[in-house]
Amino acid sequence: MEVIYGLIPGMLLLGLAAVGVLFWAARSGQFDDLEGDGQRILLDDDIKPDDPRRFPGADVED
C-alpha cells in the first residue's frame, strides 16, 4: 500500500510533463503541416546524384 503513495504523485508528474511537451510542440509549429509529408512521399522527383561513384547505375547529365 505504501508503494501507491509514491506511484500516484509520480504518475501525476509524468502526466503533467507529457501535457507540457504537447503544448510546447503545438506552440513551436510541429503540427502545422500534417498532410505535407504524406504527399511529398508520393511525388516522383528523380534526384540526380552528384557523385556517380556512390550510385554506379545512375547516369549523371552535365
Foldseek 3Di string as FASTA:
>chain_A
DVVVVVVVVVVVVVVVVVVVVVVVCVVVCVPVCPCVVVVVVPDDDDDQDPDCVVPVVGDDDD
